[in-house]
């Protein structure tokens, strides 16, 4: 049986699905794959690296951990749970599992809490960028108050924002991934570990372009690294990313609503 995950040009990742709860956990393969568009996962790995990825579904009304056990699947490949997103559990062979789990090296359990960042649909677009100039700051430190960041909020060059489908003076939800192996001999200018990050970015030429940065990223956006080890592994400062994956999950929208007065006597 062919259980190969494929990259379909213009459509995204096509991932086979296994129903792990069927027939008391014996399972069955579904005829239609899961299609995931505009994801960081597609940007981060070559198509051949993702071939063993398999989506396992279980009965979440009556979950059974045995249905998520490591298995030898119909193609003869042994796979284990690698990360999850909501009610979707992603399995992979040992080689791919090790690569993905490096994103959560100091907090392995966050592969379940933040695994969704890998497969989120970045509706406005995603890309792999080169030579990205990033300043990492901490909004809790008065030294960086000039950059006007906040909890999971940073700034981005307006030009780069447009490239990602952003709009003028409009914040957007971002997803970001860095793999340590992309350092390519530039380790002194790069973070020491792989990581994912999420939050919002606001286009601001004065704080980015004028100061020589593409992105001002607040360290609170970084996920999968223990907070107690951030100073050691990703200290605040200037970085040059030879390569990084980034996506725009959605631009902010102003909404209106009707409100009414209520009085209590």
C-alpha atoms as a PDB file:
ATOM      1  CA  UNK A   1       0.000   0.000   0.000  1.00  0.00           C
ATOM      2  CA  UNK A   2       1.255   3.460  -0.921  1.00  0.00           C
ATOM      3  CA  UNK A   3       1.234   5.662   2.189  1.00  0.00           C
ATOM      4  CA  UNK A   4       3.498   8.386   0.836  1.00  0.00           C
ATOM      5  CA  UNK A   5       2.957  12.023   1.773  1.00  0.00           C
ATOM      6  CA  UNK A   6       3.376  14.165  -1.309  1.00  0.00           C
ATOM      7  CA  UNK A   7       3.726  17.840  -2.136  1.00  0.00           C
ATOM      8  CA  UNK A   8       1.149  18.720  -4.783  1.00  0.00           C
ATOM      9  CA  UNK A   9       2.054  21.777  -6.806  1.00  0.00           C
ATOM     10  CA  UNK A  10      -0.411  24.555  -6.038  1.00  0.00           C
ATOM     11  CA  UNK A  11      -2.352  22.472  -3.508  1.00  0.00           C
ATOM     12  CA  UNK A  12      -0.022  21.787  -0.600  1.00  0.00           C
ATOM     13  CA  UNK A  13       0.685  18.589   1.316  1.00  0.00           C
ATOM     14  CA  UNK A  14      -1.324  15.451   0.634  1.00  0.00           C
ATOM     15  CA  UNK A  15      -1.107  13.275   3.762  1.00  0.00           C
ATOM     16  CA  UNK A  16      -2.558   9.718   4.005  1.00  0.00           C
ATOM     17  CA  UNK A  17      -5.018   9.118   6.857  1.00  0.00           C
ATOM     18  CA  UNK A  18      -5.278   6.127   9.169  1.00  0.00           C
ATOM     19  CA  UNK A  19      -8.347   5.645  11.406  1.00  0.00           C
ATOM     20  CA  UNK A  20      -6.669   4.315  14.521  1.00  0.00           C
ATOM     21  CA  UNK A  21      -9.892   3.678  16.435  1.00  0.00           C
ATOM     22  CA  UNK A  22     -11.627   1.496  13.838  1.00  0.00           C
ATOM     23  CA  UNK A  23     -12.406  -2.104  14.798  1.00  0.00           C
ATOM     24  CA  UNK A  24     -11.227  -1.794  18.412  1.00  0.00           C
ATOM     25  CA  UNK A  25      -7.956  -0.198  17.445  1.00  0.00           C
ATOM     26  CA  UNK A  26      -6.995  -2.444  14.540  1.00  0.00           C
ATOM     27  CA  UNK A  27      -7.516   0.548  12.303  1.00  0.00           C
ATOM     28  CA  UNK A  28      -8.202   1.185   8.638  1.00  0.00           C
ATOM     29  CA  UNK A  29      -6.869   3.444   5.906  1.00  0.00           C
ATOM     30  CA  UNK A  30      -9.130   6.150   4.523  1.00  0.00           C
ATOM     31  CA  UNK A  31      -9.458   6.605   0.787  1.00  0.00           C
ATOM     32  CA  UNK A  32      -9.064  10.396   0.777  1.00  0.00           C
ATOM     33  CA  UNK A  33      -5.913  12.128   2.077  1.00  0.00           C
ATOM     34  CA  UNK A  34      -5.719  15.270   4.184  1.00  0.00           C
ATOM     35  CA  UNK A  35      -4.760  18.350   2.159  1.00  0.00           C
ATOM     36  CA  UNK A  36      -2.816  21.004   4.070  1.00  0.00           C
ATOM     37  CA  UNK A  37      -2.112  24.273   2.297  1.00  0.00           C
ATOM     38  CA  UNK A  38       0.427  27.028   2.929  1.00  0.00           C
ATOM     39  CA  UNK A  39       2.043  25.344   5.931  1.00  0.00           C
ATOM     40  CA  UNK A  40       5.410  25.849   7.583  1.00  0.00           C
ATOM     41  CA  UNK A  41       5.942  22.095   7.375  1.00  0.00           C
ATOM     42  CA  UNK A  42       5.935  22.257   3.582  1.00  0.00           C
ATOM     43  CA  UNK A  43       8.362  25.187   3.633  1.00  0.00           C
ATOM     44  CA  UNK A  44      10.759  23.625   6.126  1.00  0.00           C
ATOM     45  CA  UNK A  45      11.392  20.226   4.578  1.00  0.00           C
ATOM     46  CA  UNK A  46      12.129  18.797   1.171  1.00  0.00           C
ATOM     47  CA  UNK A  47       9.307  16.623  -0.259  1.00  0.00           C
ATOM     48  CA  UNK A  48      11.342  13.432   0.139  1.00  0.00           C
ATOM     49  CA  UNK A  49      11.893  14.194   3.841  1.00  0.00           C
ATOM     50  CA  UNK A  50       8.124  14.246   4.473  1.00  0.00           C
ATOM     51  CA  UNK A  51       7.227  11.016   2.690  1.00  0.00           C
ATOM     52  CA  UNK A  52       6.704   8.975   5.880  1.00  0.00           C
ATOM     53  CA  UNK A  53       4.287  11.472   7.456  1.00  0.00           C
ATOM     54  CA  UNK A  54       0.905   9.889   8.275  1.00  0.00           C
ATOM     55  CA  UNK A  55      -2.167  11.419   9.898  1.00  0.00           C
ATOM     56  CA  UNK A  56      -3.836   9.228  12.534  1.00  0.00           C
ATOM     57  CA  UNK A  57      -7.381   9.900  13.699  1.00  0.00           C
ATOM     58  CA  UNK A  58      -8.965   8.480  16.847  1.00  0.00           C
ATOM     59  CA  UNK A  59     -12.388   8.661  18.474  1.00  0.00           C
ATOM     60  CA  UNK A  60     -12.053  11.793  20.577  1.00  0.00           C
ATOM     61  CA  UNK A  61     -15.407  11.165  22.258  1.00  0.00           C
ATOM     62  CA  UNK A  62     -13.881   8.064  23.808  1.00  0.00           C
ATOM     63  CA  UNK A  63     -10.110   8.431  23.418  1.00  0.00           C
ATOM     64  CA  UNK A  64      -7.836   5.472  23.986  1.00  0.00           C
ATOM     65  CA  UNK A  65      -4.074   6.030  24.185  1.00  0.00           C
ATOM     66  CA  UNK A  66      -3.514   2.535  22.745  1.00  0.00           C
ATOM     67  CA  UNK A  67      -4.880   3.806  19.453  1.00  0.00           C
ATOM     68  CA  UNK A  68      -1.874   6.142  19.283  1.00  0.00           C
ATOM     69  CA  UNK A  69       0.741   3.468  19.871  1.00  0.00           C
ATOM     70  CA  UNK A  70       3.699   3.008  17.554  1.00  0.00           C
ATOM     71  CA  UNK A  71       2.778   0.723  14.672  1.00  0.00           C
ATOM     72  CA  UNK A  72       4.169  -1.062  11.658  1.00  0.00           C
ATOM     73  CA  UNK A  73       1.888   0.210   8.934  1.00  0.00           C
ATOM     74  CA  UNK A  74       0.768  -1.457   5.704  1.00  0.00           C
ATOM     75  CA  UNK A  75       3.743  -0.136   3.753  1.00  0.00           C
ATOM     76  CA  UNK A  76       6.107  -1.878   6.182  1.00  0.00           C
ATOM     77  CA  UNK A  77       7.233   1.384   7.807  1.00  0.00           C
ATOM     78  CA  UNK A  78       7.290   1.720  11.581  1.00  0.00           C
ATOM     79  CA  UNK A  79       5.965   5.115  12.693  1.00  0.00           C
ATOM     80  CA  UNK A  80       5.520   6.848  16.055  1.00  0.00           C
ATOM     81  CA  UNK A  81       3.541   9.831  17.249  1.00  0.00           C
ATOM     82  CA  UNK A  82       5.577  12.926  16.372  1.00  0.00           C
ATOM     83  CA  UNK A  83       3.262  15.902  16.980  1.00  0.00           C
ATOM     84  CA  UNK A  84      -0.412  16.738  17.152  1.00  0.00           C
ATOM     85  CA  UNK A  85      -2.770  19.512  16.135  1.00  0.00           C
ATOM     86  CA  UNK A  86      -6.140  19.455  17.843  1.00  0.00           C
ATOM     87  CA  UNK A  87      -7.700  16.067  17.124  1.00  0.00           C
ATOM     88  CA  UNK A  88      -5.145  15.202  14.446  1.00  0.00           C
ATOM     89  CA  UNK A  89      -2.114  13.103  15.366  1.00  0.00           C
ATOM     90  CA  UNK A  90       0.855  13.026  13.020  1.00  0.00           C
ATOM     91  CA  UNK A  91       3.086   9.953  12.879  1.00  0.00           C
ATOM     92  CA  UNK A  92       6.464   9.634  11.171  1.00  0.00           C
ATOM     93  CA  UNK A  93       9.388   7.266  10.851  1.00  0.00           C
ATOM     94  CA  UNK A  94      12.368   7.712  13.160  1.00  0.00           C
ATOM     95  CA  UNK A  95      14.349   9.885  10.750  1.00  0.00           C
ATOM     96  CA  UNK A  96      11.616  12.488  10.200  1.00  0.00           C
ATOM     97  CA  UNK A  97      10.495  12.295  13.821  1.00  0.00           C
ATOM     98  CA  UNK A  98      13.965  13.248  15.045  1.00  0.00           C
ATOM     99  CA  UNK A  99      14.104  16.231  12.673  1.00  0.00           C
ATOM    100  CA  UNK A 100      10.732  17.574  13.773  1.00  0.00           C
ATOM    101  CA  UNK A 101      11.305  16.939  17.465  1.00  0.00           C
ATOM    102  CA  UNK A 102      14.432  19.101  17.392  1.00  0.00           C
ATOM    103  CA  UNK A 103      12.013  22.032  17.289  1.00  0.00           C
ATOM    104  CA  UNK A 104      10.912  21.015  20.784  1.00  0.00           C
ATOM    105  CA  UNK A 105      14.279  19.840  22.125  1.00  0.00           C
ATOM    106  CA  UNK A 106      14.007  21.390  25.603  1.00  0.00           C
ATOM    107  CA  UNK A 107      10.259  20.765  26.018  1.00  0.00           C
ATOM    108  CA  UNK A 108       9.236  17.576  24.170  1.00  0.00           C
ATOM    109  CA  UNK A 109       5.621  17.778  25.389  1.00  0.00           C
ATOM    110  CA  UNK A 110       5.135  21.016  23.455  1.00  0.00           C
ATOM    111  CA  UNK A 111       5.077  18.956  20.258  1.00  0.00           C
ATOM    112  CA  UNK A 112       1.454  18.406  21.259  1.00  0.00           C
ATOM    113  CA  UNK A 113       0.764  21.936  22.494  1.00  0.00           C
ATOM    114  CA  UNK A 114       2.389  23.747  19.577  1.00  0.00           C
ATOM    115  CA  UNK A 115       2.458  21.125  16.840  1.00  0.00           C
ATOM    116  CA  UNK A 116      -0.411  22.958  15.190  1.00  0.00           C
ATOM    117  CA  UNK A 117       2.045  25.698  14.177  1.00  0.00           C
ATOM    118  CA  UNK A 118       3.575  23.276  11.699  1.00  0.00           C
ATOM    119  CA  UNK A 119       0.319  22.601   9.841  1.00  0.00           C
ATOM    120  CA  UNK A 120      -1.577  25.881  10.267  1.00  0.00           C
ATOM    121  CA  UNK A 121      -2.924  27.187   6.973  1.00  0.00           C
ATOM    122  CA  UNK A 122      -1.158  30.495   6.380  1.00  0.00           C
ATOM    123  CA  UNK A 123      -4.051  31.732   4.261  1.00  0.00           C
ATOM    124  CA  UNK A 124      -2.362  34.885   2.992  1.00  0.00           C
ATOM    125  CA  UNK A 125       0.832  33.109   2.016  1.00  0.00           C
ATOM    126  CA  UNK A 126       3.986  31.432   3.266  1.00  0.00           C
ATOM    127  CA  UNK A 127       7.549  31.508   2.023  1.00  0.00           C
ATOM    128  CA  UNK A 128      11.094  30.448   2.737  1.00  0.00           C
ATOM    129  CA  UNK A 129      13.263  33.555   2.990  1.00  0.00           C
ATOM    130  CA  UNK A 130      17.023  33.979   2.877  1.00  0.00           C
ATOM    131  CA  UNK A 131      19.346  36.356   4.719  1.00  0.00           C
ATOM    132  CA  UNK A 132      16.679  37.560   7.111  1.00  0.00           C
ATOM    133  CA  UNK A 133      17.812  40.255   9.551  1.00  0.00           C
ATOM    134  CA  UNK A 134      16.028  39.767  12.861  1.00  0.00           C
ATOM    135  CA  UNK A 135      16.345  41.567  16.172  1.00  0.00           C
ATOM    136  CA  UNK A 136      15.074  39.508  19.104  1.00  0.00           C
ATOM    137  CA  UNK A 137      13.933  41.546  22.113  1.00  0.00           C
ATOM    138  CA  UNK A 138      12.073  41.106  25.394  1.00  0.00           C
ATOM    139  CA  UNK A 139       9.169  43.433  26.078  1.00  0.00           C
ATOM    140  CA  UNK A 140       9.675  42.908  29.820  1.00  0.00           C
ATOM    141  CA  UNK A 141      13.137  44.496  29.620  1.00  0.00           C
ATOM    142  CA  UNK A 142      13.104  48.329  29.604  1.00  0.00           C
ATOM    143  CA  UNK A 143      16.198  48.253  27.395  1.00  0.00           C
ATOM    144  CA  UNK A 144      13.971  47.256  24.471  1.00  0.00           C
ATOM    145  CA  UNK A 145      10.969  49.497  25.136  1.00  0.00           C
ATOM    146  CA  UNK A 146      11.952  51.563  22.084  1.00  0.00           C
ATOM    147  CA  UNK A 147      10.724  48.747  19.821  1.00  0.00           C
ATOM    148  CA  UNK A 148       7.176  48.801  21.226  1.00  0.00           C
ATOM    149  CA  UNK A 149       6.759  45.037  21.229  1.00  0.00           C
ATOM    150  CA  UNK A 150       4.466  43.134  23.544  1.00  0.00           C
ATOM    151  CA  UNK A 151       3.412  39.629  24.484  1.00  0.00           C
ATOM    152  CA  UNK A 152       3.879  37.709  21.188  1.00  0.00           C
ATOM    153  CA  UNK A 153       3.794  40.982  19.252  1.00  0.00           C
ATOM    154  CA  UNK A 154       6.559  42.408  17.071  1.00  0.00           C
ATOM    155  CA  UNK A 155       7.283  44.560  14.028  1.00  0.00           C
ATOM    156  CA  UNK A 156       8.030  43.792  10.385  1.00  0.00           C
ATOM    157  CA  UNK A 157       9.371  45.647   7.376  1.00  0.00           C
ATOM    158  CA  UNK A 158       6.418  46.893   5.278  1.00  0.00           C
ATOM    159  CA  UNK A 159       8.083  45.517   2.139  1.00  0.00           C
ATOM    160  CA  UNK A 160       8.379  42.051   3.675  1.00  0.00           C
ATOM    161  CA  UNK A 161       4.815  42.268   4.980  1.00  0.00           C
ATOM    162  CA  UNK A 162       3.548  42.933   1.448  1.00  0.00           C
ATOM    163  CA  UNK A 163       5.519  39.952   0.190  1.00  0.00           C
ATOM    164  CA  UNK A 164       3.569  37.818   2.679  1.00  0.00           C
ATOM    165  CA  UNK A 165       0.171  39.265   1.759  1.00  0.00           C
ATOM    166  CA  UNK A 166       0.141  41.873   4.509  1.00  0.00           C
ATOM    167  CA  UNK A 167      -1.491  45.279   4.304  1.00  0.00           C
ATOM    168  CA  UNK A 168      -0.315  48.773   5.180  1.00  0.00           C
ATOM    169  CA  UNK A 169      -0.569  49.665   8.886  1.00  0.00           C
ATOM    170  CA  UNK A 170      -2.320  46.358   9.543  1.00  0.00           C
ATOM    171  CA  UNK A 171      -1.015  43.694  11.937  1.00  0.00           C
ATOM    172  CA  UNK A 172      -1.206  40.055  10.921  1.00  0.00           C
ATOM    173  CA  UNK A 173      -0.889  36.669  12.567  1.00  0.00           C
ATOM    174  CA  UNK A 174       2.432  35.077  11.732  1.00  0.00           C
ATOM    175  CA  UNK A 175       4.031  31.666  11.933  1.00  0.00           C
ATOM    176  CA  UNK A 176       7.816  31.338  11.860  1.00  0.00           C
ATOM    177  CA  UNK A 177      10.285  28.449  11.844  1.00  0.00           C
ATOM    178  CA  UNK A 178      14.036  28.250  12.206  1.00  0.00           C
ATOM    179  CA  UNK A 179      16.083  25.057  11.817  1.00  0.00           C
ATOM    180  CA  UNK A 180      19.563  25.056  13.317  1.00  0.00           C
ATOM    181  CA  UNK A 181      20.944  23.158  10.328  1.00  0.00           C
ATOM    182  CA  UNK A 182      20.242  26.223   8.156  1.00  0.00           C
ATOM    183  CA  UNK A 183      23.099  28.067   9.886  1.00  0.00           C
ATOM    184  CA  UNK A 184      25.501  26.803   7.194  1.00  0.00           C
ATOM    185  CA  UNK A 185      28.678  27.861   8.950  1.00  0.00           C
ATOM    186  CA  UNK A 186      27.197  31.120  10.298  1.00  0.00           C
ATOM    187  CA  UNK A 187      26.525  29.766  13.773  1.00  0.00           C
ATOM    188  CA  UNK A 188      27.858  32.868  15.514  1.00  0.00           C
ATOM    189  CA  UNK A 189      25.042  34.991  14.024  1.00  0.00           C
ATOM    190  CA  UNK A 190      22.225  32.458  14.495  1.00  0.00           C
ATOM    191  CA  UNK A 191      20.239  31.051  17.421  1.00  0.00           C
ATOM    192  CA  UNK A 192      21.766  27.920  18.892  1.00  0.00           C
ATOM    193  CA  UNK A 193      18.585  25.826  18.652  1.00  0.00           C
ATOM    194  CA  UNK A 194      15.721  25.258  16.254  1.00  0.00           C
ATOM    195  CA  UNK A 195      12.407  26.824  17.211  1.00  0.00           C
ATOM    196  CA  UNK A 196       8.906  27.838  16.146  1.00  0.00           C
ATOM    197  CA  UNK A 197       7.268  31.160  16.894  1.00  0.00           C
ATOM    198  CA  UNK A 198       3.843  32.714  16.551  1.00  0.00           C
ATOM    199  CA  UNK A 199       2.041  35.950  17.305  1.00  0.00           C
ATOM    200  CA  UNK A 200       1.358  39.202  15.481  1.00  0.00           C
ATOM    201  CA  UNK A 201       3.556  41.522  13.454  1.00  0.00           C
ATOM    202  CA  UNK A 202       2.827  45.160  12.594  1.00  0.00           C
ATOM    203  CA  UNK A 203       4.489  46.808   9.569  1.00  0.00           C
ATOM    204  CA  UNK A 204       6.720  49.628  10.816  1.00  0.00           C
ATOM    205  CA  UNK A 205       9.445  51.003   8.549  1.00  0.00           C
ATOM    206  CA  UNK A 206      10.877  53.273  11.268  1.00  0.00           C
ATOM    207  CA  UNK A 207      11.652  50.408  13.622  1.00  0.00           C
ATOM    208  CA  UNK A 208      12.736  47.904  10.956  1.00  0.00           C
ATOM    209  CA  UNK A 209      14.050  49.264   7.654  1.00  0.00           C
ATOM    210  CA  UNK A 210      15.480  52.432   9.177  1.00  0.00           C
ATOM    211  CA  UNK A 211      17.451  50.387  11.709  1.00  0.00           C
ATOM    212  CA  UNK A 212      18.528  47.642   9.313  1.00  0.00           C
ATOM    213  CA  UNK A 213      16.082  44.899  10.338  1.00  0.00           C
ATOM    214  CA  UNK A 214      13.464  42.843   8.547  1.00  0.00           C
ATOM    215  CA  UNK A 215      11.706  41.730  11.733  1.00  0.00           C
ATOM    216  CA  UNK A 216      11.668  42.776  15.389  1.00  0.00           C
ATOM    217  CA  UNK A 217      10.609  39.584  17.167  1.00  0.00           C
ATOM    218  CA  UNK A 218       9.650  39.559  20.812  1.00  0.00           C
ATOM    219  CA  UNK A 219      11.065  36.526  22.571  1.00  0.00           C
ATOM    220  CA  UNK A 220       7.657  35.719  24.045  1.00  0.00           C
ATOM    221  CA  UNK A 221       6.682  34.537  20.541  1.00  0.00           C
ATOM    222  CA  UNK A 222       9.147  31.640  20.660  1.00  0.00           C
ATOM    223  CA  UNK A 223       7.571  28.282  21.455  1.00  0.00           C
ATOM    224  CA  UNK A 224       9.064  24.905  22.316  1.00  0.00           C
ATOM    225  CA  UNK A 225      11.960  26.256  24.390  1.00  0.00           C
ATOM    226  CA  UNK A 226      11.802  26.387  28.166  1.00  0.00           C
ATOM    227  CA  UNK A 227      11.571  29.972  29.366  1.00  0.00           C
ATOM    228  CA  UNK A 228      14.332  29.298  31.875  1.00  0.00           C
ATOM    229  CA  UNK A 229      16.710  28.499  28.990  1.00  0.00           C
ATOM    230  CA  UNK A 230      15.868  31.363  26.631  1.00  0.00           C
ATOM    231  CA  UNK A 231      18.699  33.557  27.909  1.00  0.00           C
ATOM    232  CA  UNK A 232      21.129  30.713  27.222  1.00  0.00           C
ATOM    233  CA  UNK A 233      19.792  29.464  23.879  1.00  0.00           C
ATOM    234  CA  UNK A 234      18.186  32.538  22.266  1.00  0.00           C
ATOM    235  CA  UNK A 235      19.563  35.639  23.996  1.00  0.00           C
ATOM    236  CA  UNK A 236      18.223  39.007  22.915  1.00  0.00           C
ATOM    237  CA  UNK A 237      20.246  40.605  20.151  1.00  0.00           C
ATOM    238  CA  UNK A 238      20.834  40.867  16.412  1.00  0.00           C
ATOM    239  CA  UNK A 239      20.638  37.767  14.224  1.00  0.00           C
ATOM    240  CA  UNK A 240      21.099  36.947  10.570  1.00  0.00           C
ATOM    241  CA  UNK A 241      19.071  33.945   9.470  1.00  0.00           C
ATOM    242  CA  UNK A 242      20.528  32.398   6.293  1.00  0.00           C
ATOM    243  CA  UNK A 243      17.120  30.812   5.822  1.00  0.00           C
ATOM    244  CA  UNK A 244      13.788  30.864   7.648  1.00  0.00           C
ATOM    245  CA  UNK A 245      10.182  29.869   6.964  1.00  0.00           C
ATOM    246  CA  UNK A 246       7.427  32.394   7.641  1.00  0.00           C
ATOM    247  CA  UNK A 247       3.730  32.621   6.919  1.00  0.00           C
ATOM    248  CA  UNK A 248       0.829  35.040   7.242  1.00  0.00           C
ATOM    249  CA  UNK A 249      -2.163  33.293   8.770  1.00  0.00           C
ATOM    250  CA  UNK A 250      -4.450  36.311   8.450  1.00  0.00           C
ATOM    251  CA  UNK A 251      -4.574  40.088   8.431  1.00  0.00           C
ATOM    252  CA  UNK A 252      -6.407  41.918  11.204  1.00  0.00           C
ATOM    253  CA  UNK A 253      -9.884  43.137  10.389  1.00  0.00           C
ATOM    254  CA  UNK A 254     -11.893  45.922  12.001  1.00  0.00           C
ATOM    255  CA  UNK A 255     -15.350  44.744  13.013  1.00  0.00           C
ATOM    256  CA  UNK A 256     -18.411  46.596  14.211  1.00  0.00           C
ATOM    257  CA  UNK A 257     -21.099  45.465  16.606  1.00  0.00           C
ATOM    258  CA  UNK A 258     -24.153  46.844  18.299  1.00  0.00           C
ATOM    259  CA  UNK A 259     -23.970  47.383  22.017  1.00  0.00           C
ATOM    260  CA  UNK A 260     -26.782  48.184  24.379  1.00  0.00           C
ATOM    261  CA  UNK A 261     -26.916  49.738  27.826  1.00  0.00           C
ATOM    262  CA  UNK A 262     -27.854  47.606  30.789  1.00  0.00           C
ATOM    263  CA  UNK A 263     -28.772  48.931  34.214  1.00  0.00           C
ATOM    264  CA  UNK A 264     -28.930  47.087  37.498  1.00  0.00           C
ATOM    265  CA  UNK A 265     -30.933  48.612  40.311  1.00  0.00           C
END
